[in-house]
Amino acid sequence: MLNDKYADMSYMKNTVKAFIDSGYALASIDYRYSTEAIFPAQIQDCNEAIEFLYKNADKYSLDKNNIALIGFSAGGHLASLLSLSNNNKITSFYKNGNAASFKIKAVLDFYGPSDFVALGSAPVPENKDAKNPVAILLGAFPIERPDLAKAASPVTYIDKDDPPFLIVQGEKDMSVPYTQSVLLSSWLKITGVRNELVIVPGAPHFGEMFDADYIREKIFALLKETLR
């Protein structure tokens, strides 16, 4: 379901149900697509949405001190980026330039790109106008604007004070190479940030293979340990 914000929920039914049955509140965040606005519009929207939930926690019966993020593909990229930059005070990531009031306790990243520089992308020589999704997001090809690519890459903001991660990636992902998740995990590890990487054998970029019992067990183990 292209450009459907509920697409991942449609094949993660058992996991979504488990969240609800376990008493976790879920909020699905809208953000502008790259075809509407280039980066950093997307991360600004996500920060603004979570700030709203944080400041209105009592109204919606939320525990504002126990926030975890989950994202799939582009959502995984934004969940990682938001969490890792949360303590870096990147003013351009907020519409009003003010840093977030909230803190993120844990991150569940499903096959999100982590390093646009390493991912690379270049214009096709015979068709310089052709663009891929990353070039559309940044407004330029990463190989031509590595500064923009670096600024939009979650790995840029990793430090020892970042929250723990569960990273889930399909072995046969043709959209986001599994090496992107391996790279994120490696950077987190050498920086001292606890994380676990799960490569799902034979899995593509999305689908019901990710709605598996063993993955769900890892999700809830992390949430039980980090959300008090």
N, C-alpha and C. Protein backbone atom coordinates (compact mmCIF):
# COMPACT_ATOMS: atom_id res chain seq x y z
N MET A 1 0.85 -1.19 0.00
CA MET A 1 0.00 0.00 0.00
C MET A 1 0.89 1.24 0.00
N LEU A 2 1.25 1.71 -1.17
CA LEU A 2 2.18 2.81 -1.34
C LEU A 2 1.63 4.08 -0.72
N ASN A 3 2.51 4.75 0.05
CA ASN A 3 2.16 6.02 0.69
C ASN A 3 0.97 5.92 1.62
N ASP A 4 0.79 4.74 2.22
CA ASP A 4 -0.28 4.54 3.18
C ASP A 4 0.35 4.45 4.56
N LYS A 5 0.05 5.39 5.44
CA LYS A 5 0.68 5.42 6.75
C LYS A 5 0.30 4.21 7.59
N TYR A 6 -0.78 3.53 7.25
CA TYR A 6 -1.20 2.35 8.00
C TYR A 6 -0.74 1.05 7.35
N ALA A 7 0.06 1.15 6.31
CA ALA A 7 0.49 -0.05 5.58
C ALA A 7 1.18 -1.05 6.49
N ASP A 8 2.10 -0.56 7.32
CA ASP A 8 2.83 -1.47 8.19
C ASP A 8 1.93 -2.08 9.26
N MET A 9 0.97 -1.31 9.74
CA MET A 9 0.03 -1.85 10.71
C MET A 9 -0.77 -2.99 10.11
N SER A 10 -1.02 -2.94 8.80
CA SER A 10 -1.87 -3.94 8.16
C SER A 10 -1.24 -5.33 8.17
N TYR A 11 0.10 -5.41 8.15
CA TYR A 11 0.72 -6.72 8.20
C TYR A 11 1.38 -7.00 9.56
N MET A 12 1.28 -6.05 10.48
CA MET A 12 1.81 -6.25 11.84
C MET A 12 0.65 -6.38 12.84
N LYS A 13 -0.43 -7.01 12.41
CA LYS A 13 -1.65 -7.07 13.22
C LYS A 13 -1.42 -7.67 14.60
N ASN A 14 -0.69 -8.78 14.65
CA ASN A 14 -0.49 -9.45 15.94
C ASN A 14 0.36 -8.59 16.88
N THR A 15 1.33 -7.90 16.33
CA THR A 15 2.17 -7.05 17.15
C THR A 15 1.40 -5.84 17.66
N VAL A 16 0.61 -5.21 16.79
CA VAL A 16 -0.21 -4.08 17.21
C VAL A 16 -1.19 -4.51 18.29
N LYS A 17 -1.80 -5.67 18.11
CA LYS A 17 -2.74 -6.18 19.11
C LYS A 17 -2.03 -6.43 20.44
N ALA A 18 -0.81 -6.94 20.36
CA ALA A 18 -0.05 -7.21 21.59
C ALA A 18 0.28 -5.93 22.33
N PHE A 19 0.58 -4.85 21.59
CA PHE A 19 0.81 -3.55 22.24
C PHE A 19 -0.42 -3.15 23.05
N ILE A 20 -1.57 -3.22 22.42
CA ILE A 20 -2.81 -2.80 23.06
C ILE A 20 -3.16 -3.70 24.23
N ASP A 21 -3.05 -5.01 24.02
CA ASP A 21 -3.38 -5.97 25.08
C ASP A 21 -2.45 -5.81 26.28
N SER A 22 -1.23 -5.32 26.04
CA SER A 22 -0.26 -5.15 27.12
C SER A 22 -0.38 -3.79 27.82
N GLY A 23 -1.30 -2.97 27.35
CA GLY A 23 -1.55 -1.70 28.01
C GLY A 23 -0.73 -0.53 27.50
N TYR A 24 -0.07 -0.71 26.36
CA TYR A 24 0.69 0.40 25.78
C TYR A 24 -0.22 1.28 24.93
N ALA A 25 -0.03 2.58 25.03
CA ALA A 25 -0.76 3.52 24.18
C ALA A 25 0.00 3.69 22.88
N LEU A 26 -0.72 3.74 21.76
CA LEU A 26 -0.11 3.90 20.45
C LEU A 26 -0.57 5.20 19.82
N ALA A 27 0.36 5.90 19.20
CA ALA A 27 0.03 7.10 18.43
C ALA A 27 0.74 6.99 17.10
N SER A 28 0.02 7.12 16.00
CA SER A 28 0.60 7.06 14.67
C SER A 28 0.78 8.49 14.15
N ILE A 29 2.02 8.84 13.86
CA ILE A 29 2.36 10.23 13.54
C ILE A 29 2.32 10.48 12.03
N ASP A 30 1.68 11.56 11.65
CA ASP A 30 1.70 12.02 10.26
C ASP A 30 2.90 12.95 10.05
N TYR A 31 3.49 12.89 8.89
CA TYR A 31 4.54 13.84 8.53
C TYR A 31 4.47 14.08 7.03
N ARG A 32 5.01 15.19 6.61
CA ARG A 32 4.97 15.53 5.19
C ARG A 32 5.88 14.60 4.39
N TYR A 33 5.36 14.14 3.26
CA TYR A 33 6.18 13.32 2.36
C TYR A 33 7.24 14.19 1.69
N SER A 34 8.27 13.53 1.21
CA SER A 34 9.35 14.25 0.54
C SER A 34 8.88 14.94 -0.74
N THR A 35 7.77 14.45 -1.32
CA THR A 35 7.21 15.09 -2.50
C THR A 35 6.50 16.40 -2.16
N GLU A 36 6.22 16.61 -0.87
CA GLU A 36 5.58 17.84 -0.41
C GLU A 36 6.61 18.85 0.09
N ALA A 37 7.63 18.36 0.75
CA ALA A 37 8.65 19.23 1.35
C ALA A 37 9.93 18.44 1.55
N ILE A 38 11.06 19.08 1.32
CA ILE A 38 12.32 18.39 1.49
C ILE A 38 12.74 18.39 2.96
N PHE A 39 13.71 17.57 3.27
CA PHE A 39 14.28 17.48 4.61
C PHE A 39 14.81 18.86 5.04
N PRO A 40 14.61 19.29 6.30
CA PRO A 40 14.21 18.50 7.48
C PRO A 40 12.73 18.60 7.85
N ALA A 41 11.85 18.87 6.90
CA ALA A 41 10.42 19.01 7.21
C ALA A 41 9.89 17.78 7.94
N GLN A 42 10.31 16.59 7.54
CA GLN A 42 9.79 15.35 8.11
C GLN A 42 10.14 15.21 9.60
N ILE A 43 11.39 15.47 9.94
CA ILE A 43 11.79 15.32 11.34
C ILE A 43 11.20 16.45 12.18
N GLN A 44 11.00 17.61 11.59
CA GLN A 44 10.32 18.70 12.30
C GLN A 44 8.90 18.28 12.66
N ASP A 45 8.19 17.67 11.72
CA ASP A 45 6.82 17.24 11.96
C ASP A 45 6.76 16.19 13.07
N CYS A 46 7.70 15.26 13.04
CA CYS A 46 7.71 14.19 14.05
C CYS A 46 8.00 14.75 15.44
N ASN A 47 8.97 15.64 15.53
CA ASN A 47 9.28 16.26 16.82
C ASN A 47 8.09 17.07 17.34
N GLU A 48 7.44 17.77 16.43
CA GLU A 48 6.28 18.58 16.84
C GLU A 48 5.15 17.69 17.35
N ALA A 49 4.93 16.56 16.69
CA ALA A 49 3.85 15.66 17.09
C ALA A 49 4.11 15.05 18.46
N ILE A 50 5.34 14.63 18.71
CA ILE A 50 5.65 14.03 20.01
C ILE A 50 5.63 15.09 21.11
N GLU A 51 6.08 16.28 20.79
CA GLU A 51 6.02 17.37 21.76
C GLU A 51 4.56 17.66 22.16
N PHE A 52 3.67 17.59 21.17
CA PHE A 52 2.24 17.79 21.46
C PHE A 52 1.73 16.71 22.41
N LEU A 53 2.07 15.46 22.13
CA LEU A 53 1.63 14.36 23.00
C LEU A 53 2.22 14.50 24.39
N TYR A 54 3.47 14.91 24.46
CA TYR A 54 4.13 15.09 25.76
C TYR A 54 3.43 16.16 26.59
N LYS A 55 3.13 17.29 25.95
CA LYS A 55 2.53 18.39 26.69
C LYS A 55 1.04 18.17 26.98
N ASN A 56 0.43 17.22 26.27
CA ASN A 56 -0.99 16.91 26.49
C ASN A 56 -1.17 15.50 27.05
N ALA A 57 -0.14 15.01 27.72
CA ALA A 57 -0.15 13.65 28.24
C ALA A 57 -1.31 13.39 29.20
N ASP A 58 -1.58 14.33 30.09
CA ASP A 58 -2.66 14.14 31.05
C ASP A 58 -4.01 14.04 30.35
N LYS A 59 -4.19 14.85 29.33
CA LYS A 59 -5.45 14.85 28.58
C LYS A 59 -5.72 13.50 27.93
N TYR A 60 -4.66 12.85 27.45
CA TYR A 60 -4.82 11.57 26.74
C TYR A 60 -4.41 10.37 27.58
N SER A 61 -4.22 10.60 28.88
CA SER A 61 -3.85 9.52 29.82
C SER A 61 -2.59 8.79 29.38
N LEU A 62 -1.55 9.57 29.07
CA LEU A 62 -0.28 9.01 28.64
C LEU A 62 0.78 9.20 29.72
N ASP A 63 1.74 8.31 29.75
CA ASP A 63 2.88 8.45 30.64
C ASP A 63 3.98 9.14 29.86
N LYS A 64 4.12 10.43 30.06
CA LYS A 64 5.02 11.23 29.23
C LYS A 64 6.50 10.93 29.49
N ASN A 65 6.79 10.24 30.58
CA ASN A 65 8.18 9.92 30.91
C ASN A 65 8.61 8.55 30.40
N ASN A 66 7.72 7.89 29.69
CA ASN A 66 8.04 6.57 29.15
C ASN A 66 7.60 6.51 27.69
N ILE A 67 8.44 7.03 26.81
CA ILE A 67 8.14 7.10 25.38
C ILE A 67 9.14 6.25 24.61
N ALA A 68 8.62 5.37 23.79
CA ALA A 68 9.43 4.57 22.86
C ALA A 68 8.93 4.85 21.46
N LEU A 69 9.81 4.73 20.49
CA LEU A 69 9.44 4.96 19.10
C LEU A 69 9.57 3.67 18.29
N ILE A 70 8.65 3.47 17.37
CA ILE A 70 8.74 2.37 16.41
C ILE A 70 8.48 2.95 15.03
N GLY A 71 9.26 2.51 14.06
CA GLY A 71 9.08 3.00 12.70
C GLY A 71 9.50 1.97 11.69
N PHE A 72 8.89 2.04 10.51
CA PHE A 72 9.14 1.09 9.44
C PHE A 72 9.61 1.84 8.19
N SER A 73 10.73 1.42 7.64
CA SER A 73 11.29 2.02 6.43
C SER A 73 11.57 3.50 6.65
N ALA A 74 10.89 4.40 5.94
CA ALA A 74 11.08 5.83 6.16
C ALA A 74 10.77 6.19 7.61
N GLY A 75 9.77 5.51 8.16
CA GLY A 75 9.43 5.73 9.57
C GLY A 75 10.53 5.24 10.49
N GLY A 76 11.21 4.16 10.10
CA GLY A 76 12.34 3.67 10.87
C GLY A 76 13.49 4.65 10.85
N HIS A 77 13.72 5.24 9.69
CA HIS A 77 14.75 6.29 9.57
C HIS A 77 14.43 7.45 10.50
N LEU A 78 13.17 7.90 10.49
CA LEU A 78 12.81 9.06 11.30
C LEU A 78 12.81 8.73 12.79
N ALA A 79 12.39 7.51 13.15
CA ALA A 79 12.42 7.11 14.56
C ALA A 79 13.86 7.10 15.07
N SER A 80 14.77 6.56 14.26
CA SER A 80 16.18 6.53 14.65
C SER A 80 16.76 7.94 14.71
N LEU A 81 16.49 8.73 13.69
CA LEU A 81 17.03 10.08 13.62
C LEU A 81 16.54 10.93 14.79
N LEU A 82 15.25 10.86 15.07
CA LEU A 82 14.69 11.65 16.15
C LEU A 82 15.30 11.25 17.49
N SER A 83 15.41 9.95 17.72
CA SER A 83 15.92 9.46 19.01
C SER A 83 17.39 9.79 19.20
N LEU A 84 18.18 9.62 18.15
CA LEU A 84 19.62 9.85 18.26
C LEU A 84 19.97 11.33 18.33
N SER A 85 19.15 12.17 17.72
CA SER A 85 19.40 13.62 17.74
C SER A 85 18.72 14.30 18.91
N ASN A 86 17.96 13.56 19.69
CA ASN A 86 17.15 14.14 20.77
C ASN A 86 17.99 14.92 21.78
N ASN A 87 19.21 14.47 22.03
CA ASN A 87 20.06 15.16 23.01
C ASN A 87 21.15 16.00 22.35
N ASN A 88 21.03 16.21 21.05
CA ASN A 88 22.05 16.99 20.34
C ASN A 88 21.63 18.44 20.07
N LYS A 89 20.38 18.75 20.39
CA LYS A 89 19.90 20.14 20.27
C LYS A 89 20.10 20.70 18.85
N ILE A 90 19.65 19.95 17.85
CA ILE A 90 19.75 20.39 16.46
C ILE A 90 18.56 21.31 16.18
N THR A 91 18.76 22.60 16.21
CA THR A 91 17.65 23.54 16.13
C THR A 91 16.85 23.41 14.84
N SER A 92 17.50 23.04 13.75
CA SER A 92 16.79 22.93 12.48
C SER A 92 15.81 21.76 12.46
N PHE A 93 15.89 20.88 13.45
CA PHE A 93 14.98 19.73 13.52
C PHE A 93 13.67 20.09 14.21
N TYR A 94 13.52 21.35 14.62
CA TYR A 94 12.32 21.80 15.30
C TYR A 94 11.79 23.05 14.60
N LYS A 95 10.50 23.08 14.38
CA LYS A 95 9.90 24.19 13.64
C LYS A 95 10.16 25.54 14.28
N ASN A 96 10.14 25.57 15.62
CA ASN A 96 10.35 26.85 16.31
C ASN A 96 11.79 27.02 16.78
N GLY A 97 12.63 26.05 16.47
CA GLY A 97 14.03 26.13 16.84
C GLY A 97 14.33 25.73 18.27
N ASN A 98 13.27 25.43 19.05
CA ASN A 98 13.46 25.05 20.45
C ASN A 98 13.63 23.55 20.59
N ALA A 99 14.52 23.12 21.44
CA ALA A 99 14.77 21.70 21.64
C ALA A 99 13.56 21.02 22.28
N ALA A 100 13.49 19.72 22.13
CA ALA A 100 12.36 18.96 22.66
C ALA A 100 12.36 18.93 24.18
N SER A 101 11.16 18.83 24.75
CA SER A 101 11.02 18.66 26.19
C SER A 101 11.10 17.18 26.58
N PHE A 102 10.76 16.32 25.66
CA PHE A 102 10.65 14.88 25.94
C PHE A 102 11.98 14.15 25.72
N LYS A 103 12.03 12.95 26.29
CA LYS A 103 13.15 12.04 26.08
C LYS A 103 12.61 10.70 25.56
N ILE A 104 13.41 10.04 24.76
CA ILE A 104 13.03 8.74 24.20
C ILE A 104 13.73 7.65 24.98
N LYS A 105 12.97 6.63 25.40
CA LYS A 105 13.53 5.57 26.23
C LYS A 105 14.00 4.37 25.42
N ALA A 106 13.40 4.13 24.26
CA ALA A 106 13.77 2.96 23.46
C ALA A 106 13.34 3.17 22.02
N VAL A 107 14.03 2.48 21.10
CA VAL A 107 13.74 2.62 19.67
C VAL A 107 13.60 1.24 19.03
N LEU A 108 12.54 1.09 18.25
CA LEU A 108 12.29 -0.12 17.47
C LEU A 108 12.35 0.27 16.00
N ASP A 109 13.48 -0.02 15.39
CA ASP A 109 13.75 0.41 14.01
C ASP A 109 13.62 -0.78 13.07
N PHE A 110 12.59 -0.74 12.24
CA PHE A 110 12.38 -1.78 11.23
C PHE A 110 12.85 -1.26 9.87
N TYR A 111 13.95 -1.81 9.41
CA TYR A 111 14.53 -1.58 8.08
C TYR A 111 14.55 -0.12 7.61
N GLY A 112 14.95 0.76 8.52
CA GLY A 112 15.11 2.16 8.14
C GLY A 112 16.54 2.43 7.68
N PRO A 113 16.75 3.26 6.68
CA PRO A 113 18.12 3.64 6.28
C PRO A 113 18.78 4.43 7.40
N SER A 114 20.09 4.22 7.57
CA SER A 114 20.80 4.85 8.68
C SER A 114 21.91 5.79 8.24
N ASP A 115 22.44 5.59 7.03
CA ASP A 115 23.56 6.40 6.57
C ASP A 115 23.42 6.64 5.07
N PHE A 116 22.93 7.83 4.72
CA PHE A 116 22.70 8.14 3.31
C PHE A 116 24.00 8.30 2.53
N VAL A 117 25.07 8.64 3.23
CA VAL A 117 26.36 8.75 2.55
C VAL A 117 26.83 7.37 2.11
N ALA A 118 26.75 6.40 3.02
CA ALA A 118 27.15 5.04 2.71
C ALA A 118 26.19 4.39 1.71
N LEU A 119 24.90 4.75 1.83
CA LEU A 119 23.91 4.20 0.91
C LEU A 119 24.19 4.67 -0.51
N GLY A 120 24.56 5.94 -0.59
CA GLY A 120 24.93 6.51 -1.90
C GLY A 120 23.76 6.57 -2.86
N SER A 121 23.88 7.38 -3.84
CA SER A 121 22.98 7.43 -4.98
C SER A 121 23.49 8.53 -5.88
N ALA A 122 23.47 8.26 -7.15
CA ALA A 122 24.01 9.23 -8.10
C ALA A 122 23.06 9.35 -9.28
N PRO A 123 23.04 10.50 -9.92
CA PRO A 123 22.20 10.67 -11.10
C PRO A 123 22.68 9.75 -12.21
N VAL A 124 21.72 9.20 -12.93
CA VAL A 124 22.07 8.38 -14.09
C VAL A 124 22.66 9.30 -15.15
N PRO A 125 23.85 9.00 -15.65
CA PRO A 125 24.53 9.92 -16.59
C PRO A 125 23.67 10.35 -17.77
N GLU A 126 22.90 9.41 -18.32
CA GLU A 126 22.11 9.74 -19.49
C GLU A 126 20.79 10.44 -19.16
N ASN A 127 20.50 10.53 -17.85
CA ASN A 127 19.25 11.17 -17.45
C ASN A 127 19.45 11.87 -16.12
N LYS A 128 20.07 13.01 -16.13
CA LYS A 128 20.41 13.73 -14.91
C LYS A 128 19.17 14.17 -14.13
N ASP A 129 18.02 14.19 -14.80
CA ASP A 129 16.81 14.62 -14.13
C ASP A 129 16.15 13.50 -13.34
N ALA A 130 16.57 12.25 -13.60
CA ALA A 130 15.98 11.13 -12.88
C ALA A 130 16.36 11.23 -11.41
N LYS A 131 15.40 10.95 -10.53
CA LYS A 131 15.66 11.07 -9.10
C LYS A 131 15.18 9.83 -8.37
N ASN A 132 15.93 9.46 -7.34
CA ASN A 132 15.50 8.37 -6.49
C ASN A 132 14.91 8.95 -5.21
N PRO A 133 14.33 8.13 -4.34
CA PRO A 133 13.65 8.65 -3.14
C PRO A 133 14.56 9.48 -2.24
N VAL A 134 15.81 9.07 -2.08
CA VAL A 134 16.72 9.82 -1.21
C VAL A 134 17.02 11.20 -1.79
N ALA A 135 17.23 11.26 -3.11
CA ALA A 135 17.49 12.54 -3.75
C ALA A 135 16.29 13.47 -3.64
N ILE A 136 15.10 12.91 -3.72
CA ILE A 136 13.89 13.72 -3.57
C ILE A 136 13.78 14.25 -2.15
N LEU A 137 14.10 13.39 -1.17
CA LEU A 137 14.05 13.80 0.23
C LEU A 137 15.02 14.94 0.51
N LEU A 138 16.24 14.82 0.01
CA LEU A 138 17.28 15.80 0.31
C LEU A 138 17.25 17.00 -0.60
N GLY A 139 16.64 16.84 -1.76
CA GLY A 139 16.67 17.90 -2.75
C GLY A 139 17.94 17.87 -3.58
N ALA A 140 18.71 16.79 -3.45
CA ALA A 140 19.96 16.61 -4.19
C ALA A 140 20.43 15.18 -4.01
N PHE A 141 21.25 14.70 -4.93
CA PHE A 141 21.81 13.36 -4.79
C PHE A 141 22.87 13.36 -3.69
N PRO A 142 22.86 12.35 -2.82
CA PRO A 142 23.84 12.29 -1.72
C PRO A 142 25.28 12.42 -2.17
N ILE A 143 25.61 11.84 -3.30
CA ILE A 143 26.99 11.89 -3.76
C ILE A 143 27.39 13.31 -4.17
N GLU A 144 26.40 14.14 -4.51
CA GLU A 144 26.68 15.52 -4.89
C GLU A 144 26.58 16.47 -3.69
N ARG A 145 25.78 16.08 -2.67
CA ARG A 145 25.63 16.89 -1.46
C ARG A 145 25.80 16.00 -0.22
N PRO A 146 27.02 15.52 0.00
CA PRO A 146 27.24 14.66 1.17
C PRO A 146 26.97 15.38 2.49
N ASP A 147 27.03 16.71 2.48
CA ASP A 147 26.72 17.45 3.70
C ASP A 147 25.26 17.28 4.08
N LEU A 148 24.38 17.35 3.08
CA LEU A 148 22.95 17.14 3.34
C LEU A 148 22.68 15.69 3.73
N ALA A 149 23.35 14.78 3.03
CA ALA A 149 23.17 13.35 3.32
C ALA A 149 23.60 13.04 4.76
N LYS A 150 24.70 13.62 5.18
CA LYS A 150 25.18 13.40 6.54
C LYS A 150 24.22 13.98 7.57
N ALA A 151 23.71 15.17 7.31
CA ALA A 151 22.79 15.82 8.24
C ALA A 151 21.50 15.03 8.43
N ALA A 152 21.09 14.28 7.41
CA ALA A 152 19.84 13.51 7.48
C ALA A 152 20.06 12.08 7.92
N SER A 153 21.29 11.71 8.22
CA SER A 153 21.62 10.32 8.57
C SER A 153 21.62 10.11 10.08
N PRO A 154 20.86 9.14 10.57
CA PRO A 154 20.85 8.87 12.01
C PRO A 154 22.22 8.63 12.62
N VAL A 155 23.12 7.94 11.91
CA VAL A 155 24.43 7.61 12.50
C VAL A 155 25.24 8.85 12.85
N THR A 156 24.93 9.97 12.24
CA THR A 156 25.66 11.22 12.50
C THR A 156 25.56 11.65 13.96
N TYR A 157 24.45 11.29 14.62
CA TYR A 157 24.15 11.85 15.93
C TYR A 157 24.34 10.85 17.08
N ILE A 158 24.95 9.73 16.81
CA ILE A 158 25.13 8.71 17.85
C ILE A 158 26.11 9.18 18.91
N ASP A 159 25.72 9.01 20.17
CA ASP A 159 26.64 9.21 21.29
C ASP A 159 26.25 8.25 22.41
N LYS A 160 27.07 8.18 23.44
CA LYS A 160 26.91 7.17 24.47
C LYS A 160 25.64 7.33 25.30
N ASP A 161 24.98 8.48 25.22
CA ASP A 161 23.78 8.74 26.02
C ASP A 161 22.49 8.42 25.28
N ASP A 162 22.58 7.81 24.12
CA ASP A 162 21.38 7.50 23.33
C ASP A 162 20.65 6.27 23.87
N PRO A 163 19.35 6.15 23.57
CA PRO A 163 18.55 5.04 24.09
C PRO A 163 18.87 3.72 23.39
N PRO A 164 18.53 2.60 24.01
CA PRO A 164 18.78 1.29 23.40
C PRO A 164 17.90 1.06 22.18
N PHE A 165 18.41 0.24 21.27
CA PHE A 165 17.75 -0.03 20.00
C PHE A 165 17.48 -1.52 19.81
N LEU A 166 16.35 -1.81 19.18
CA LEU A 166 16.13 -3.10 18.54
C LEU A 166 16.00 -2.80 17.06
N ILE A 167 16.88 -3.39 16.25
CA ILE A 167 16.92 -3.13 14.81
C ILE A 167 16.53 -4.41 14.09
N VAL A 168 15.51 -4.33 13.25
CA VAL A 168 15.02 -5.50 12.53
C VAL A 168 15.10 -5.24 11.03
N GLN A 169 15.70 -6.16 10.31
CA GLN A 169 15.98 -5.94 8.89
C GLN A 169 15.78 -7.23 8.10
N GLY A 170 15.23 -7.10 6.90
CA GLY A 170 15.06 -8.25 6.03
C GLY A 170 16.33 -8.58 5.27
N GLU A 171 16.68 -9.86 5.21
CA GLU A 171 17.88 -10.29 4.52
C GLU A 171 17.84 -9.98 3.03
N LYS A 172 16.64 -10.06 2.44
CA LYS A 172 16.49 -9.88 1.00
C LYS A 172 15.87 -8.53 0.65
N ASP A 173 16.06 -7.56 1.51
CA ASP A 173 15.51 -6.21 1.27
C ASP A 173 16.19 -5.59 0.06
N MET A 174 15.40 -5.27 -0.96
CA MET A 174 15.93 -4.68 -2.18
C MET A 174 15.79 -3.16 -2.18
N SER A 175 15.14 -2.61 -1.16
CA SER A 175 14.96 -1.15 -1.07
C SER A 175 15.98 -0.51 -0.15
N VAL A 176 16.16 -1.12 1.02
CA VAL A 176 17.16 -0.66 1.98
C VAL A 176 18.09 -1.84 2.25
N PRO A 177 19.31 -1.83 1.74
CA PRO A 177 20.23 -2.95 1.94
C PRO A 177 20.40 -3.28 3.42
N TYR A 178 20.47 -4.56 3.75
CA TYR A 178 20.59 -4.95 5.15
C TYR A 178 21.87 -4.39 5.79
N THR A 179 22.84 -4.04 4.95
CA THR A 179 24.07 -3.46 5.48
C THR A 179 23.83 -2.13 6.18
N GLN A 180 22.74 -1.44 5.84
CA GLN A 180 22.41 -0.20 6.53
C GLN A 180 22.10 -0.45 8.00
N SER A 181 21.40 -1.54 8.28
CA SER A 181 21.10 -1.88 9.67
C SER A 181 22.33 -2.41 10.39
N VAL A 182 23.16 -3.15 9.68
CA VAL A 182 24.41 -3.65 10.26
C VAL A 182 25.30 -2.46 10.64
N LEU A 183 25.36 -1.47 9.77
CA LEU A 183 26.17 -0.28 10.02
C LEU A 183 25.67 0.47 11.24
N LEU A 184 24.36 0.66 11.33
CA LEU A 184 23.78 1.34 12.49
C LEU A 184 24.12 0.58 13.77
N SER A 185 23.93 -0.72 13.75
CA SER A 185 24.23 -1.54 14.93
C SER A 185 25.70 -1.44 15.31
N SER A 186 26.58 -1.45 14.33
CA SER A 186 28.02 -1.37 14.61
C SER A 186 28.39 -0.04 15.24
N TRP A 187 27.85 1.06 14.70
CA TRP A 187 28.14 2.37 15.27
C TRP A 187 27.62 2.47 16.71
N LEU A 188 26.42 1.97 16.94
CA LEU A 188 25.86 1.98 18.29
C LEU A 188 26.74 1.17 19.24
N LYS A 189 27.17 0.02 18.78
CA LYS A 189 27.98 -0.87 19.62
C LYS A 189 29.29 -0.23 20.03
N ILE A 190 30.02 0.33 19.05
CA ILE A 190 31.33 0.88 19.37
C ILE A 190 31.24 2.18 20.16
N THR A 191 30.04 2.78 20.15
CA THR A 191 29.83 4.01 20.93
C THR A 191 29.34 3.69 22.34
N GLY A 192 28.96 2.45 22.55
CA GLY A 192 28.51 2.03 23.87
C GLY A 192 27.02 2.08 24.07
N VAL A 193 26.25 2.12 22.98
CA VAL A 193 24.79 2.13 23.06
C VAL A 193 24.28 0.71 22.87
N ARG A 194 23.52 0.23 23.84
CA ARG A 194 23.02 -1.14 23.77
C ARG A 194 22.06 -1.30 22.59
N ASN A 195 22.23 -2.35 21.84
CA ASN A 195 21.33 -2.61 20.72
C ASN A 195 21.37 -4.08 20.35
N GLU A 196 20.33 -4.49 19.67
CA GLU A 196 20.26 -5.85 19.14
C GLU A 196 19.81 -5.78 17.69
N LEU A 197 20.49 -6.51 16.83
CA LEU A 197 20.17 -6.55 15.41
C LEU A 197 19.60 -7.91 15.06
N VAL A 198 18.44 -7.88 14.41
CA VAL A 198 17.80 -9.11 13.95
C VAL A 198 17.68 -9.05 12.43
N ILE A 199 18.38 -9.95 11.75
CA ILE A 199 18.25 -10.07 10.30
C ILE A 199 17.27 -11.21 10.03
N VAL A 200 16.15 -10.90 9.41
CA VAL A 200 15.10 -11.89 9.17
C VAL A 200 15.43 -12.64 7.88
N PRO A 201 15.70 -13.94 7.98
CA PRO A 201 16.11 -14.72 6.80
C PRO A 201 15.07 -14.68 5.69
N GLY A 202 15.52 -14.34 4.50
CA GLY A 202 14.67 -14.37 3.31
C GLY A 202 13.62 -13.29 3.24
N ALA A 203 13.60 -12.36 4.20
CA ALA A 203 12.53 -11.35 4.24
C ALA A 203 12.83 -10.20 3.29
N PRO A 204 11.79 -9.67 2.62
CA PRO A 204 11.94 -8.50 1.75
C PRO A 204 11.85 -7.22 2.57
N HIS A 205 11.47 -6.14 1.93
CA HIS A 205 11.43 -4.83 2.60
C HIS A 205 10.29 -4.70 3.60
N PHE A 206 9.27 -5.52 3.48
CA PHE A 206 8.14 -5.45 4.41
C PHE A 206 7.37 -6.76 4.32
N GLY A 207 6.38 -6.94 5.20
CA GLY A 207 5.53 -8.11 5.09
C GLY A 207 5.34 -8.83 6.42
N GLU A 208 4.52 -9.87 6.38
CA GLU A 208 4.12 -10.58 7.59
C GLU A 208 5.25 -11.36 8.24
N MET A 209 6.36 -11.54 7.55
CA MET A 209 7.51 -12.23 8.15
C MET A 209 8.05 -11.44 9.35
N PHE A 210 7.74 -10.16 9.42
CA PHE A 210 8.20 -9.33 10.54
C PHE A 210 7.24 -9.40 11.73
N ASP A 211 6.06 -9.95 11.51
CA ASP A 211 5.06 -10.07 12.57
C ASP A 211 5.18 -11.44 13.23
N ALA A 212 6.40 -11.80 13.58
CA ALA A 212 6.70 -13.14 14.08
C ALA A 212 6.82 -13.15 15.60
N ASP A 213 6.54 -14.29 16.20
CA ASP A 213 6.58 -14.41 17.65
C ASP A 213 7.95 -14.05 18.22
N TYR A 214 9.02 -14.54 17.59
CA TYR A 214 10.35 -14.32 18.16
C TYR A 214 10.76 -12.85 18.10
N ILE A 215 10.28 -12.13 17.09
CA ILE A 215 10.56 -10.69 17.02
C ILE A 215 9.74 -9.96 18.07
N ARG A 216 8.50 -10.37 18.21
CA ARG A 216 7.62 -9.75 19.20
C ARG A 216 8.19 -9.94 20.62
N GLU A 217 8.74 -11.09 20.89
CA GLU A 217 9.34 -11.34 22.20
C GLU A 217 10.48 -10.37 22.48
N LYS A 218 11.27 -10.09 21.45
CA LYS A 218 12.38 -9.15 21.62
C LYS A 218 11.87 -7.72 21.81
N ILE A 219 10.80 -7.38 21.11
CA ILE A 219 10.20 -6.05 21.26
C ILE A 219 9.76 -5.83 22.70
N PHE A 220 9.01 -6.78 23.23
CA PHE A 220 8.45 -6.59 24.56
C PHE A 220 9.49 -6.77 25.67
N ALA A 221 10.53 -7.50 25.39
CA ALA A 221 11.62 -7.59 26.36
C ALA A 221 12.29 -6.23 26.53
N LEU A 222 12.51 -5.54 25.40
CA LEU A 222 13.14 -4.22 25.45
C LEU A 222 12.22 -3.21 26.13
N LEU A 223 10.94 -3.23 25.78
CA LEU A 223 9.99 -2.29 26.37
C LEU A 223 9.84 -2.52 27.87
N LYS A 224 9.80 -3.79 28.28
CA LYS A 224 9.66 -4.10 29.70
C LYS A 224 10.86 -3.60 30.49
N GLU A 225 12.03 -3.67 29.88
CA GLU A 225 13.25 -3.26 30.56
C GLU A 225 13.43 -1.75 30.59
N THR A 226 12.95 -1.06 29.57
CA THR A 226 13.24 0.38 29.46
C THR A 226 12.10 1.30 29.90
N LEU A 227 10.87 0.83 29.78
CA LEU A 227 9.73 1.67 30.17
C LEU A 227 9.29 1.28 31.56
N ARG A 228 9.45 2.17 32.50
CA ARG A 228 9.15 1.88 33.89
C ARG A 228 7.72 2.28 34.25
